[in-house]
N, C-alpha and C. Protein backbone atom coordinates (compact mmCIF):
# COMPACT_ATOMS: atom_id res chain seq x y z
N MET A 1 69.94 67.23 130.03
CA MET A 1 69.61 67.60 128.82
C MET A 1 69.93 69.27 128.93
N ALA A 2 70.55 69.80 127.81
CA ALA A 2 70.89 71.31 127.59
C ALA A 2 69.41 71.95 127.16
N LYS A 3 69.17 73.04 127.75
CA LYS A 3 68.21 73.81 127.37
C LYS A 3 68.33 74.70 126.16
N LYS A 4 67.52 74.91 125.20
CA LYS A 4 67.64 75.55 124.02
C LYS A 4 67.45 77.28 124.41
N LYS A 5 68.26 78.03 123.95
CA LYS A 5 68.14 79.48 124.31
C LYS A 5 67.13 79.93 123.15
N ALA A 6 66.06 80.69 123.81
CA ALA A 6 65.14 81.35 123.06
C ALA A 6 65.53 82.57 122.32
N LYS A 7 65.14 82.77 120.94
CA LYS A 7 65.67 83.70 120.31
C LYS A 7 64.86 85.03 120.75
N LYS A 8 65.43 86.26 120.86
CA LYS A 8 64.69 87.50 121.29
C LYS A 8 64.00 88.00 120.02
N LYS A 9 62.89 88.30 120.24
CA LYS A 9 62.17 89.07 118.89
C LYS A 9 62.32 90.44 119.04
N VAL A 10 62.64 90.95 117.88
CA VAL A 10 62.98 92.47 117.62
C VAL A 10 61.68 93.01 117.31
N ALA A 11 61.55 94.24 118.01
CA ALA A 11 60.24 94.95 117.84
C ALA A 11 60.42 95.75 116.65
N ARG A 12 59.30 95.82 115.78
CA ARG A 12 59.40 96.88 114.60
C ARG A 12 59.26 98.05 114.86
N LYS A 13 59.94 99.10 114.38
CA LYS A 13 59.46 100.47 114.56
C LYS A 13 58.42 100.82 113.69
N ALA A 14 57.23 101.47 114.52
CA ALA A 14 56.14 101.89 113.38
C ALA A 14 56.82 103.14 112.54
N PRO A 15 56.21 103.01 111.31
CA PRO A 15 56.46 104.19 110.38
C PRO A 15 55.89 105.64 110.93
N ALA A 16 56.47 106.67 110.57
CA ALA A 16 56.18 107.94 110.84
C ALA A 16 54.80 108.10 110.23
N ARG A 17 54.19 108.86 110.83
CA ARG A 17 52.66 109.33 110.25
C ARG A 17 52.93 109.90 108.92
N GLY A 18 52.04 109.41 107.82
CA GLY A 18 51.94 109.95 106.65
C GLY A 18 53.32 109.33 105.76
N ALA A 19 54.16 108.70 106.25
CA ALA A 19 55.23 108.03 105.57
C ALA A 19 54.76 107.08 104.63
N LYS A 20 55.10 106.91 103.53
CA LYS A 20 54.76 105.66 102.82
C LYS A 20 55.55 104.35 103.00
N ARG A 21 54.88 103.30 102.99
CA ARG A 21 55.47 102.00 103.18
C ARG A 21 55.91 101.56 101.95
N SER A 22 57.06 100.89 102.15
CA SER A 22 57.66 100.21 100.86
C SER A 22 57.98 98.76 101.38
N THR A 23 57.70 97.72 100.44
CA THR A 23 58.08 96.37 100.68
C THR A 23 59.15 96.02 99.71
N LYS A 24 59.68 94.99 99.89
CA LYS A 24 60.64 94.47 99.03
C LYS A 24 60.01 93.98 97.72
N LYS A 25 58.88 93.44 97.69
CA LYS A 25 58.11 93.00 96.47
C LYS A 25 57.59 94.16 95.47
N ALA A 26 57.02 95.16 96.31
CA ALA A 26 56.61 96.53 95.46
C ALA A 26 57.57 97.07 94.96
N ALA A 27 58.96 97.16 95.63
CA ALA A 27 60.06 97.79 95.10
C ALA A 27 60.67 97.07 94.03
N GLY A 28 60.64 95.89 94.03
CA GLY A 28 61.20 95.06 93.00
C GLY A 28 60.24 94.97 91.55
N ARG A 29 58.97 95.29 91.79
CA ARG A 29 58.08 95.25 90.60
C ARG A 29 58.23 96.64 89.84
N ARG A 30 58.66 97.69 90.48
CA ARG A 30 58.73 99.02 89.82
C ARG A 30 60.11 99.11 89.10
N THR A 31 61.15 98.28 89.55
CA THR A 31 62.22 98.38 88.81
C THR A 31 62.48 97.38 87.62
N LYS A 32 61.41 96.51 87.43
CA LYS A 32 61.45 95.27 86.57
C LYS A 32 60.92 95.70 85.03
N ALA A 33 60.69 97.04 85.24
CA ALA A 33 59.91 97.46 83.80
C ALA A 33 60.95 97.44 82.67
N SER A 34 60.73 96.62 81.91
CA SER A 34 61.97 96.69 80.79
C SER A 34 61.19 96.15 79.30
N ALA A 35 61.91 95.94 78.32
CA ALA A 35 61.33 95.69 77.01
C ALA A 35 60.91 94.22 77.10
N ALA A 36 61.36 93.43 77.97
CA ALA A 36 60.86 92.06 78.01
C ALA A 36 59.35 91.82 78.59
N ASP A 37 58.77 92.71 79.09
CA ASP A 37 57.73 92.59 79.76
C ASP A 37 56.59 92.44 78.63
N PHE A 38 56.03 91.42 78.72
CA PHE A 38 54.88 91.01 77.56
C PHE A 38 53.57 91.16 78.28
N ILE A 39 52.70 91.60 77.42
CA ILE A 39 51.05 91.53 77.82
C ILE A 39 50.63 90.22 78.09
N ILE A 40 50.91 89.23 77.15
CA ILE A 40 50.45 87.97 77.03
C ILE A 40 51.50 87.09 77.71
N SER A 41 51.00 86.13 78.68
CA SER A 41 51.92 85.23 79.28
C SER A 41 52.56 84.16 78.27
N LYS A 42 53.80 83.90 78.55
CA LYS A 42 54.69 83.07 77.77
C LYS A 42 53.97 81.53 77.94
N SER A 43 53.92 81.13 79.23
CA SER A 43 53.58 79.86 79.27
C SER A 43 52.06 79.73 78.90
N ARG A 44 51.12 80.51 79.03
CA ARG A 44 49.93 80.23 78.58
C ARG A 44 49.77 80.35 77.02
N THR A 45 50.60 81.17 76.36
CA THR A 45 50.63 81.26 74.89
C THR A 45 51.20 80.04 74.36
N LYS A 46 52.06 79.26 74.89
CA LYS A 46 52.88 77.96 74.87
C LYS A 46 51.84 76.80 75.05
N ALA A 47 51.22 76.96 76.00
CA ALA A 47 49.92 75.86 76.50
C ALA A 47 48.92 76.07 75.39
N ALA A 48 48.49 77.17 74.87
CA ALA A 48 47.61 77.30 73.92
C ALA A 48 47.94 77.01 72.63
N ALA A 49 49.13 77.21 72.23
CA ALA A 49 49.60 76.85 70.85
C ALA A 49 49.60 75.20 70.62
N GLY A 50 49.98 74.31 71.57
CA GLY A 50 49.96 72.86 71.31
C GLY A 50 50.96 72.69 70.50
N ILE A 51 51.93 73.43 69.96
CA ILE A 51 53.29 73.11 69.33
C ILE A 51 54.32 73.98 69.86
N ASN A 52 55.63 73.56 69.33
CA ASN A 52 56.70 74.45 69.58
C ASN A 52 56.53 75.92 69.25
N VAL A 53 57.01 76.79 70.36
CA VAL A 53 56.85 78.24 70.08
C VAL A 53 58.27 79.01 69.93
N SER A 54 58.59 79.62 69.00
CA SER A 54 59.92 80.29 68.76
C SER A 54 59.95 81.36 69.71
N GLY A 55 61.11 81.66 70.17
CA GLY A 55 61.34 82.89 71.16
C GLY A 55 61.06 84.22 70.51
N GLU A 56 61.38 84.33 69.14
CA GLU A 56 60.73 85.42 68.50
C GLU A 56 59.38 85.61 68.40
N PHE A 57 58.53 84.77 68.51
CA PHE A 57 57.14 84.80 68.31
C PHE A 57 56.47 85.76 69.46
N TYR A 58 57.05 85.78 70.57
CA TYR A 58 56.39 86.24 71.59
C TYR A 58 56.56 88.00 71.62
N ALA A 59 57.54 88.35 71.08
CA ALA A 59 57.95 89.67 70.78
C ALA A 59 56.81 90.18 69.61
N ALA A 60 56.57 89.40 68.38
CA ALA A 60 55.67 89.61 67.36
C ALA A 60 54.36 89.57 68.01
N LEU A 61 53.89 88.64 68.85
CA LEU A 61 52.64 88.64 69.43
C LEU A 61 52.28 89.88 70.38
N ASP A 62 53.28 90.19 71.08
CA ASP A 62 53.19 91.46 72.00
C ASP A 62 52.88 92.65 71.10
N ALA A 63 53.59 92.64 70.09
CA ALA A 63 53.59 93.98 69.12
C ALA A 63 52.10 94.03 68.53
N ALA A 64 51.66 92.72 68.06
CA ALA A 64 50.46 92.69 67.59
C ALA A 64 49.19 92.90 68.50
N VAL A 65 49.56 92.49 69.81
CA VAL A 65 48.29 92.90 70.85
C VAL A 65 48.38 94.28 71.00
N ARG A 66 49.61 94.87 71.24
CA ARG A 66 49.55 96.41 71.65
C ARG A 66 49.03 97.18 70.50
N GLY A 67 49.18 96.78 69.34
CA GLY A 67 48.65 97.47 68.18
C GLY A 67 47.17 97.39 68.31
N LEU A 68 46.66 96.06 68.58
CA LEU A 68 45.16 95.85 68.63
C LEU A 68 44.64 96.85 69.85
N ILE A 69 45.31 97.02 70.84
CA ILE A 69 44.91 97.73 72.05
C ILE A 69 44.82 99.07 71.65
N ALA A 70 45.92 99.74 70.92
CA ALA A 70 45.94 101.20 70.60
C ALA A 70 44.89 101.47 69.55
N GLY A 71 44.68 100.43 68.55
CA GLY A 71 43.47 100.92 67.55
C GLY A 71 42.17 101.13 68.29
N ALA A 72 42.01 100.04 69.29
CA ALA A 72 40.75 100.14 70.26
C ALA A 72 40.58 101.25 70.93
N GLU A 73 41.73 101.93 71.56
CA GLU A 73 41.83 103.08 72.30
C GLU A 73 41.52 104.26 71.53
N GLN A 74 41.98 104.27 70.09
CA GLN A 74 41.73 105.38 69.39
C GLN A 74 40.34 105.36 69.01
N ARG A 75 39.64 104.26 68.74
CA ARG A 75 38.09 104.05 68.31
C ARG A 75 37.26 104.46 69.43
N ALA A 76 37.59 104.26 70.53
CA ALA A 76 37.00 104.73 71.94
C ALA A 76 37.02 106.18 72.02
N VAL A 77 38.19 106.68 72.07
CA VAL A 77 38.45 108.06 72.13
C VAL A 77 37.63 108.86 70.93
N ASP A 78 37.72 108.59 69.83
CA ASP A 78 36.91 109.08 68.69
C ASP A 78 35.22 109.17 68.98
N ASN A 79 34.93 107.89 69.68
CA ASN A 79 33.59 107.97 70.09
C ASN A 79 33.19 108.74 71.23
N GLY A 80 34.13 109.29 71.78
CA GLY A 80 33.76 110.02 73.15
C GLY A 80 33.82 109.17 74.27
N ARG A 81 34.34 108.10 74.41
CA ARG A 81 34.24 107.03 75.39
C ARG A 81 35.80 107.14 76.07
N LYS A 82 35.75 106.90 77.46
CA LYS A 82 36.93 106.41 77.92
C LYS A 82 37.08 104.95 78.39
N THR A 83 36.06 103.91 77.81
CA THR A 83 36.16 102.79 78.27
C THR A 83 36.19 101.97 77.13
N LEU A 84 37.21 100.81 76.94
CA LEU A 84 37.21 100.05 75.77
C LEU A 84 36.28 99.07 75.87
N ARG A 85 35.46 98.79 74.80
CA ARG A 85 34.34 97.63 74.88
C ARG A 85 34.89 96.64 73.68
N PRO A 86 34.39 95.43 73.73
CA PRO A 86 34.69 94.48 72.79
C PRO A 86 34.54 94.92 71.39
N HIS A 87 33.52 95.68 71.17
CA HIS A 87 33.39 96.24 69.60
C HIS A 87 34.43 97.13 69.10
N ASP A 88 35.32 97.74 70.02
CA ASP A 88 36.41 98.63 69.53
C ASP A 88 37.47 97.77 68.89
N LEU A 89 37.57 96.55 69.28
CA LEU A 89 38.51 95.64 68.37
C LEU A 89 38.29 95.16 67.05
């Protein structure tokens, strides 16, 4: 029987002191910011609806939610708070 060759493990270099670590996952998240990012999950919306959901519905829902958040934020600022509370909606 022939013996299998063991693969050599490559040692990773330690980052320089004070250097920021960057992972592929984190870097990918930063570049994905686009107009298609919705606040509400499409799959959860579809599951909650119980009927078919149009592709245009998600954009309208996102706009409505962003409007609610903006209004709640303005009410909190007008009341001298930095925290959104349920009654701001």
